[in-house]
Amino acid sequence: MEHNKKFASQNSRKRKRIAKEIEAAFEKLHGSVYSKGQFYENEFFIRSDYALVIFNRDDEILVSFADHTRPSYAAFYALVLDDIEDTDLFICEDYKTDENGSMIINESNRRSTGAIIWGEKEGYYDMLKQKVKKIVIRKQKKDKI
């Protein structure tokens, strides 16, 4: 039992460290404006006008870029995120944005994140997870046991 608590504590510290490194990557590109993410149900989420990053339970970093993100910004994000130890990096299909740069939630009615009710946390995070479903590039570094 004591061993399990110690392992859980070490894993929690590792996940917090990785989340801080992801936030540091966002701060390099945006300053402090978009550099804070949030854990929700043991997954870490962070989003800016250019990218969405989800650090999931399997220690995978999933990144999706806004359709207006310049290739140089996307490459920089990918390089910085790929340097984070103990993770695999997955580049996902770009997500669509509206004319103001807000993430489009629903293609059929063009509803965007600008119209989200922030009290709907579960729906919001589920929507974000949908944006990283289609993986384009896998960069696996960890050994699979």
N, C-alpha and C. Protein backbone atom coordinates (compact mmCIF):
# COMPACT_ATOMS: atom_id res chain seq x y z
N MET A 1 0.82 -1.19 0.00
CA MET A 1 0.00 0.00 0.00
C MET A 1 0.87 1.26 0.00
N GLU A 2 1.89 1.27 0.85
CA GLU A 2 2.80 2.42 0.92
C GLU A 2 3.51 2.65 -0.42
N HIS A 3 3.88 1.56 -1.08
CA HIS A 3 4.53 1.66 -2.39
C HIS A 3 3.61 2.33 -3.41
N ASN A 4 2.33 2.00 -3.40
CA ASN A 4 1.38 2.59 -4.33
C ASN A 4 1.22 4.10 -4.10
N LYS A 5 1.20 4.52 -2.83
CA LYS A 5 1.10 5.95 -2.52
C LYS A 5 2.33 6.69 -3.01
N LYS A 6 3.50 6.09 -2.81
CA LYS A 6 4.75 6.72 -3.24
C LYS A 6 4.76 6.85 -4.76
N PHE A 7 4.35 5.80 -5.47
CA PHE A 7 4.30 5.83 -6.93
C PHE A 7 3.33 6.90 -7.41
N ALA A 8 2.16 6.97 -6.79
CA ALA A 8 1.15 7.96 -7.18
C ALA A 8 1.67 9.37 -6.95
N SER A 9 2.38 9.58 -5.86
CA SER A 9 2.93 10.89 -5.55
C SER A 9 4.01 11.28 -6.57
N GLN A 10 4.88 10.33 -6.92
CA GLN A 10 5.92 10.60 -7.92
C GLN A 10 5.28 10.90 -9.28
N ASN A 11 4.25 10.13 -9.63
CA ASN A 11 3.58 10.34 -10.90
C ASN A 11 2.91 11.71 -10.93
N SER A 12 2.30 12.11 -9.83
CA SER A 12 1.65 13.42 -9.75
C SER A 12 2.68 14.54 -9.91
N ARG A 13 3.82 14.41 -9.27
CA ARG A 13 4.89 15.42 -9.40
C ARG A 13 5.38 15.49 -10.84
N LYS A 14 5.54 14.34 -11.47
CA LYS A 14 6.00 14.30 -12.87
C LYS A 14 4.99 15.00 -13.77
N ARG A 15 3.71 14.72 -13.58
CA ARG A 15 2.67 15.32 -14.42
C ARG A 15 2.61 16.84 -14.22
N LYS A 16 2.78 17.29 -12.99
CA LYS A 16 2.80 18.74 -12.72
C LYS A 16 4.01 19.40 -13.37
N ARG A 17 5.16 18.70 -13.33
CA ARG A 17 6.37 19.23 -13.98
C ARG A 17 6.15 19.37 -15.48
N ILE A 18 5.58 18.35 -16.10
CA ILE A 18 5.34 18.39 -17.53
C ILE A 18 4.35 19.50 -17.88
N ALA A 19 3.31 19.66 -17.08
CA ALA A 19 2.35 20.74 -17.31
C ALA A 19 3.04 22.10 -17.24
N LYS A 20 3.94 22.28 -16.29
CA LYS A 20 4.68 23.55 -16.19
C LYS A 20 5.56 23.77 -17.41
N GLU A 21 6.15 22.71 -17.94
CA GLU A 21 6.98 22.84 -19.15
C GLU A 21 6.13 23.20 -20.37
N ILE A 22 4.93 22.67 -20.43
CA ILE A 22 4.02 23.03 -21.52
C ILE A 22 3.63 24.51 -21.39
N GLU A 23 3.32 24.94 -20.17
CA GLU A 23 3.01 26.36 -19.95
C GLU A 23 4.19 27.24 -20.33
N ALA A 24 5.40 26.80 -20.05
CA ALA A 24 6.60 27.57 -20.41
C ALA A 24 6.73 27.70 -21.93
N ALA A 25 6.36 26.65 -22.65
CA ALA A 25 6.39 26.72 -24.12
C ALA A 25 5.42 27.79 -24.61
N PHE A 26 4.24 27.85 -24.03
CA PHE A 26 3.25 28.86 -24.43
C PHE A 26 3.75 30.25 -24.07
N GLU A 27 4.41 30.37 -22.93
CA GLU A 27 4.91 31.68 -22.52
C GLU A 27 6.00 32.18 -23.47
N LYS A 28 6.82 31.27 -24.01
CA LYS A 28 7.85 31.67 -24.97
C LYS A 28 7.23 32.33 -26.19
N LEU A 29 6.09 31.84 -26.63
CA LEU A 29 5.44 32.40 -27.82
C LEU A 29 4.52 33.58 -27.52
N HIS A 30 3.89 33.60 -26.37
CA HIS A 30 2.84 34.59 -26.12
C HIS A 30 3.06 35.48 -24.92
N GLY A 31 4.10 35.28 -24.16
CA GLY A 31 4.22 35.99 -22.90
C GLY A 31 3.25 35.35 -21.91
N SER A 32 2.83 36.07 -20.91
CA SER A 32 2.02 35.46 -19.86
C SER A 32 0.52 35.40 -20.20
N VAL A 33 0.10 36.00 -21.31
CA VAL A 33 -1.32 36.07 -21.64
C VAL A 33 -1.97 34.69 -21.74
N TYR A 34 -1.34 33.76 -22.46
CA TYR A 34 -1.92 32.44 -22.67
C TYR A 34 -1.13 31.33 -22.00
N SER A 35 -0.40 31.64 -20.96
CA SER A 35 0.54 30.66 -20.43
C SER A 35 0.01 29.84 -19.25
N LYS A 36 -1.27 29.91 -18.98
CA LYS A 36 -1.82 29.12 -17.86
C LYS A 36 -2.82 28.10 -18.40
N GLY A 37 -2.59 26.84 -18.03
CA GLY A 37 -3.49 25.78 -18.41
C GLY A 37 -4.27 25.32 -17.20
N GLN A 38 -5.01 24.23 -17.39
CA GLN A 38 -5.83 23.72 -16.29
C GLN A 38 -5.94 22.21 -16.39
N PHE A 39 -5.83 21.55 -15.22
CA PHE A 39 -6.10 20.12 -15.14
C PHE A 39 -7.60 19.92 -15.01
N TYR A 40 -8.12 18.98 -15.76
CA TYR A 40 -9.53 18.59 -15.65
C TYR A 40 -9.58 17.08 -15.81
N GLU A 41 -10.07 16.39 -14.79
CA GLU A 41 -10.15 14.93 -14.78
C GLU A 41 -8.82 14.28 -15.17
N ASN A 42 -7.75 14.75 -14.55
CA ASN A 42 -6.40 14.21 -14.68
C ASN A 42 -5.80 14.39 -16.08
N GLU A 43 -6.33 15.32 -16.85
CA GLU A 43 -5.73 15.70 -18.12
C GLU A 43 -5.49 17.20 -18.06
N PHE A 44 -4.43 17.65 -18.75
CA PHE A 44 -4.05 19.05 -18.71
C PHE A 44 -4.40 19.70 -20.05
N PHE A 45 -5.06 20.86 -20.00
CA PHE A 45 -5.50 21.57 -21.20
C PHE A 45 -4.93 22.97 -21.20
N ILE A 46 -4.46 23.41 -22.37
CA ILE A 46 -4.02 24.79 -22.53
C ILE A 46 -4.27 25.17 -23.99
N ARG A 47 -4.73 26.43 -24.18
CA ARG A 47 -5.08 26.86 -25.53
C ARG A 47 -4.75 28.33 -25.70
N SER A 48 -4.27 28.66 -26.89
CA SER A 48 -4.04 30.05 -27.26
C SER A 48 -4.78 30.31 -28.57
N ASP A 49 -4.54 31.47 -29.17
CA ASP A 49 -5.14 31.75 -30.48
C ASP A 49 -4.56 30.88 -31.57
N TYR A 50 -3.42 30.24 -31.31
CA TYR A 50 -2.71 29.47 -32.33
C TYR A 50 -2.76 27.96 -32.14
N ALA A 51 -2.88 27.51 -30.91
CA ALA A 51 -2.75 26.07 -30.66
C ALA A 51 -3.58 25.63 -29.45
N LEU A 52 -3.94 24.36 -29.51
CA LEU A 52 -4.57 23.66 -28.40
C LEU A 52 -3.66 22.50 -28.04
N VAL A 53 -3.33 22.37 -26.76
CA VAL A 53 -2.51 21.26 -26.30
C VAL A 53 -3.25 20.54 -25.18
N ILE A 54 -3.29 19.21 -25.31
CA ILE A 54 -3.85 18.37 -24.25
C ILE A 54 -2.77 17.37 -23.85
N PHE A 55 -2.46 17.34 -22.57
CA PHE A 55 -1.54 16.36 -22.00
C PHE A 55 -2.41 15.33 -21.33
N ASN A 56 -2.50 14.13 -21.93
CA ASN A 56 -3.48 13.15 -21.46
C ASN A 56 -2.91 12.22 -20.39
N ARG A 57 -3.75 11.29 -19.96
CA ARG A 57 -3.39 10.35 -18.88
C ARG A 57 -2.27 9.39 -19.27
N ASP A 58 -2.04 9.21 -20.57
CA ASP A 58 -1.01 8.30 -21.06
C ASP A 58 0.32 9.00 -21.29
N ASP A 59 0.49 10.19 -20.72
CA ASP A 59 1.69 11.00 -20.88
C ASP A 59 1.97 11.33 -22.34
N GLU A 60 0.90 11.58 -23.09
CA GLU A 60 1.01 11.99 -24.48
C GLU A 60 0.61 13.45 -24.58
N ILE A 61 1.37 14.20 -25.37
CA ILE A 61 1.04 15.59 -25.65
C ILE A 61 0.40 15.60 -27.03
N LEU A 62 -0.86 16.03 -27.08
CA LEU A 62 -1.59 16.13 -28.33
C LEU A 62 -1.73 17.61 -28.65
N VAL A 63 -1.29 18.00 -29.84
CA VAL A 63 -1.36 19.42 -30.22
C VAL A 63 -2.10 19.56 -31.54
N SER A 64 -2.99 20.53 -31.58
CA SER A 64 -3.72 20.88 -32.79
C SER A 64 -3.55 22.38 -32.98
N PHE A 65 -3.36 22.78 -34.23
CA PHE A 65 -3.13 24.19 -34.52
C PHE A 65 -4.35 24.81 -35.17
N ALA A 66 -4.58 26.09 -34.89
CA ALA A 66 -5.64 26.82 -35.57
C ALA A 66 -5.31 26.89 -37.04
N ASP A 67 -6.32 26.91 -37.89
CA ASP A 67 -6.07 26.91 -39.33
C ASP A 67 -5.33 28.16 -39.81
N HIS A 68 -5.28 29.22 -38.99
CA HIS A 68 -4.56 30.44 -39.38
C HIS A 68 -3.14 30.52 -38.79
N THR A 69 -2.71 29.48 -38.06
CA THR A 69 -1.37 29.48 -37.45
C THR A 69 -0.30 29.38 -38.54
N ARG A 70 0.66 30.28 -38.49
CA ARG A 70 1.76 30.24 -39.46
C ARG A 70 2.58 28.98 -39.27
N PRO A 71 3.06 28.38 -40.35
CA PRO A 71 3.88 27.17 -40.24
C PRO A 71 5.09 27.34 -39.33
N SER A 72 5.69 28.52 -39.32
CA SER A 72 6.85 28.74 -38.45
C SER A 72 6.47 28.65 -36.97
N TYR A 73 5.28 29.18 -36.61
CA TYR A 73 4.81 29.07 -35.23
C TYR A 73 4.53 27.60 -34.88
N ALA A 74 3.89 26.90 -35.80
CA ALA A 74 3.58 25.49 -35.55
C ALA A 74 4.86 24.69 -35.37
N ALA A 75 5.86 24.97 -36.20
CA ALA A 75 7.14 24.26 -36.08
C ALA A 75 7.80 24.56 -34.74
N PHE A 76 7.75 25.82 -34.30
CA PHE A 76 8.35 26.19 -33.02
C PHE A 76 7.65 25.49 -31.87
N TYR A 77 6.31 25.52 -31.88
CA TYR A 77 5.56 24.79 -30.86
C TYR A 77 6.00 23.33 -30.82
N ALA A 78 6.03 22.68 -31.99
CA ALA A 78 6.36 21.26 -32.06
C ALA A 78 7.77 20.99 -31.53
N LEU A 79 8.73 21.83 -31.89
CA LEU A 79 10.10 21.64 -31.41
C LEU A 79 10.20 21.77 -29.90
N VAL A 80 9.56 22.78 -29.35
CA VAL A 80 9.63 23.01 -27.90
C VAL A 80 8.90 21.90 -27.14
N LEU A 81 7.73 21.51 -27.63
CA LEU A 81 6.97 20.45 -26.96
C LEU A 81 7.66 19.10 -27.08
N ASP A 82 8.34 18.86 -28.19
CA ASP A 82 9.04 17.59 -28.39
C ASP A 82 10.21 17.43 -27.42
N ASP A 83 10.74 18.54 -26.92
CA ASP A 83 11.87 18.49 -25.97
C ASP A 83 11.45 18.09 -24.56
N ILE A 84 10.17 18.01 -24.28
CA ILE A 84 9.70 17.67 -22.94
C ILE A 84 9.90 16.17 -22.71
N GLU A 85 10.67 15.85 -21.68
CA GLU A 85 10.99 14.45 -21.38
C GLU A 85 9.76 13.71 -20.85
N ASP A 86 9.81 12.39 -21.00
CA ASP A 86 8.78 11.47 -20.48
C ASP A 86 7.43 11.61 -21.19
N THR A 87 7.44 12.13 -22.41
CA THR A 87 6.19 12.29 -23.15
C THR A 87 6.38 11.86 -24.60
N ASP A 88 5.27 11.54 -25.25
CA ASP A 88 5.21 11.36 -26.68
C ASP A 88 4.44 12.54 -27.25
N LEU A 89 4.78 12.95 -28.46
CA LEU A 89 4.14 14.10 -29.08
C LEU A 89 3.31 13.64 -30.27
N PHE A 90 2.07 14.11 -30.34
CA PHE A 90 1.17 13.80 -31.44
C PHE A 90 0.67 15.11 -32.03
N ILE A 91 0.94 15.32 -33.31
CA ILE A 91 0.44 16.49 -34.02
C ILE A 91 -0.88 16.07 -34.65
N CYS A 92 -1.92 16.82 -34.37
CA CYS A 92 -3.27 16.48 -34.83
C CYS A 92 -3.70 17.43 -35.95
N GLU A 93 -4.77 17.06 -36.60
CA GLU A 93 -5.31 17.87 -37.68
C GLU A 93 -5.64 19.27 -37.16
N ASP A 94 -5.40 20.29 -38.01
CA ASP A 94 -5.72 21.67 -37.63
C ASP A 94 -7.21 21.82 -37.36
N TYR A 95 -7.54 22.73 -36.47
CA TYR A 95 -8.95 23.02 -36.23
C TYR A 95 -9.33 24.32 -36.91
N LYS A 96 -10.59 24.43 -37.27
CA LYS A 96 -11.10 25.60 -37.97
C LYS A 96 -11.42 26.71 -36.98
N THR A 97 -11.26 27.95 -37.47
CA THR A 97 -11.57 29.12 -36.66
C THR A 97 -12.53 30.02 -37.43
N ASP A 98 -13.20 30.90 -36.68
CA ASP A 98 -14.09 31.86 -37.34
C ASP A 98 -13.29 33.09 -37.76
N GLU A 99 -13.97 34.09 -38.28
CA GLU A 99 -13.28 35.30 -38.78
C GLU A 99 -12.56 36.06 -37.68
N ASN A 100 -12.90 35.82 -36.42
CA ASN A 100 -12.24 36.47 -35.29
C ASN A 100 -11.11 35.62 -34.70
N GLY A 101 -10.92 34.42 -35.24
CA GLY A 101 -9.87 33.54 -34.74
C GLY A 101 -10.31 32.62 -33.63
N SER A 102 -11.60 32.64 -33.25
CA SER A 102 -12.10 31.75 -32.20
C SER A 102 -12.32 30.35 -32.77
N MET A 103 -12.07 29.35 -31.95
CA MET A 103 -12.25 27.96 -32.36
C MET A 103 -13.71 27.70 -32.68
N ILE A 104 -13.97 27.08 -33.83
CA ILE A 104 -15.34 26.72 -34.19
C ILE A 104 -15.68 25.41 -33.50
N ILE A 105 -16.79 25.41 -32.78
CA ILE A 105 -17.23 24.24 -32.04
C ILE A 105 -17.98 23.28 -32.94
N ASN A 106 -18.88 23.83 -33.73
CA ASN A 106 -19.76 23.01 -34.55
C ASN A 106 -19.72 23.53 -35.98
N GLU A 107 -19.25 22.71 -36.91
CA GLU A 107 -19.12 23.12 -38.30
C GLU A 107 -20.46 23.49 -38.93
N SER A 108 -21.52 22.77 -38.57
CA SER A 108 -22.80 22.98 -39.24
C SER A 108 -23.42 24.34 -38.93
N ASN A 109 -23.25 24.84 -37.71
CA ASN A 109 -23.84 26.13 -37.38
C ASN A 109 -22.79 27.22 -37.12
N ARG A 110 -21.53 26.89 -37.31
CA ARG A 110 -20.40 27.82 -37.16
C ARG A 110 -20.36 28.48 -35.78
N ARG A 111 -20.92 27.82 -34.76
CA ARG A 111 -20.84 28.32 -33.39
C ARG A 111 -19.39 28.23 -32.93
N SER A 112 -18.90 29.26 -32.28
CA SER A 112 -17.49 29.29 -31.88
C SER A 112 -17.35 29.32 -30.37
N THR A 113 -16.10 29.19 -29.93
CA THR A 113 -15.83 29.22 -28.49
C THR A 113 -16.13 30.59 -27.89
N GLY A 114 -16.23 31.60 -28.72
CA GLY A 114 -16.60 32.93 -28.22
C GLY A 114 -17.99 32.95 -27.61
N ALA A 115 -18.83 31.95 -27.95
CA ALA A 115 -20.21 31.90 -27.45
C ALA A 115 -20.41 30.83 -26.38
N ILE A 116 -19.34 30.28 -25.85
CA ILE A 116 -19.45 29.18 -24.88
C ILE A 116 -19.87 29.71 -23.51
N ILE A 117 -20.68 28.96 -22.86
CA ILE A 117 -21.04 29.27 -21.48
C ILE A 117 -20.02 28.55 -20.60
N TRP A 118 -19.23 29.30 -19.87
CA TRP A 118 -18.08 28.72 -19.16
C TRP A 118 -18.49 27.82 -18.00
N GLY A 119 -19.74 27.81 -17.61
CA GLY A 119 -20.20 26.90 -16.58
C GLY A 119 -20.34 25.47 -17.07
N GLU A 120 -20.26 25.27 -18.38
CA GLU A 120 -20.41 23.95 -18.98
C GLU A 120 -19.04 23.29 -19.15
N LYS A 121 -18.33 23.10 -18.06
CA LYS A 121 -16.96 22.59 -18.13
C LYS A 121 -16.85 21.25 -18.84
N GLU A 122 -17.68 20.30 -18.48
CA GLU A 122 -17.58 18.97 -19.08
C GLU A 122 -17.76 19.04 -20.59
N GLY A 123 -18.74 19.79 -21.05
CA GLY A 123 -18.98 19.93 -22.48
C GLY A 123 -17.82 20.63 -23.17
N TYR A 124 -17.26 21.64 -22.52
CA TYR A 124 -16.13 22.37 -23.09
C TYR A 124 -14.91 21.47 -23.27
N TYR A 125 -14.55 20.74 -22.22
CA TYR A 125 -13.37 19.89 -22.31
C TYR A 125 -13.59 18.71 -23.25
N ASP A 126 -14.81 18.20 -23.31
CA ASP A 126 -15.12 17.15 -24.29
C ASP A 126 -14.95 17.68 -25.71
N MET A 127 -15.39 18.92 -25.94
CA MET A 127 -15.23 19.54 -27.25
C MET A 127 -13.75 19.68 -27.60
N LEU A 128 -12.94 20.11 -26.64
CA LEU A 128 -11.51 20.25 -26.90
C LEU A 128 -10.90 18.90 -27.26
N LYS A 129 -11.29 17.84 -26.57
CA LYS A 129 -10.77 16.51 -26.87
C LYS A 129 -11.12 16.08 -28.29
N GLN A 130 -12.28 16.49 -28.78
CA GLN A 130 -12.69 16.15 -30.15
C GLN A 130 -11.75 16.80 -31.17
N LYS A 131 -11.17 17.94 -30.82
CA LYS A 131 -10.29 18.66 -31.74
C LYS A 131 -8.93 17.97 -31.93
N VAL A 132 -8.61 16.99 -31.08
CA VAL A 132 -7.33 16.28 -31.21
C VAL A 132 -7.53 14.81 -31.54
N LYS A 133 -8.67 14.46 -32.10
CA LYS A 133 -8.97 13.06 -32.41
C LYS A 133 -8.20 12.56 -33.64
N LYS A 134 -8.02 13.41 -34.65
CA LYS A 134 -7.38 12.99 -35.90
C LYS A 134 -5.89 13.29 -35.85
N ILE A 135 -5.10 12.25 -35.59
CA ILE A 135 -3.64 12.41 -35.47
C ILE A 135 -3.00 12.35 -36.85
N VAL A 136 -2.12 13.30 -37.12
CA VAL A 136 -1.43 13.39 -38.40
C VAL A 136 -0.01 12.86 -38.29
N ILE A 137 0.68 13.21 -37.21
CA ILE A 137 2.08 12.81 -37.00
C ILE A 137 2.24 12.28 -35.59
N ARG A 138 2.94 11.14 -35.44
CA ARG A 138 3.25 10.58 -34.13
C ARG A 138 4.76 10.65 -33.91
N LYS A 139 5.17 11.20 -32.79
CA LYS A 139 6.58 11.27 -32.42
C LYS A 139 6.72 10.58 -31.08
N GLN A 140 6.92 9.27 -31.11
CA GLN A 140 6.97 8.50 -29.87
C GLN A 140 8.42 8.33 -29.42
N LYS A 141 8.67 8.72 -28.17
CA LYS A 141 10.01 8.65 -27.60
C LYS A 141 10.10 7.64 -26.47
N LYS A 142 8.97 7.46 -25.77
CA LYS A 142 8.97 6.58 -24.60
C LYS A 142 9.00 5.13 -25.03
N ASP A 143 9.63 4.32 -24.21
CA ASP A 143 9.59 2.88 -24.44
C ASP A 143 8.27 2.35 -23.94
N LYS A 144 7.62 1.58 -24.79
CA LYS A 144 6.35 0.96 -24.38
C LYS A 144 6.65 -0.36 -23.71
N ILE A 145 6.07 -0.56 -22.53
CA ILE A 145 6.32 -1.78 -21.76
C ILE A 145 5.32 -2.84 -22.14
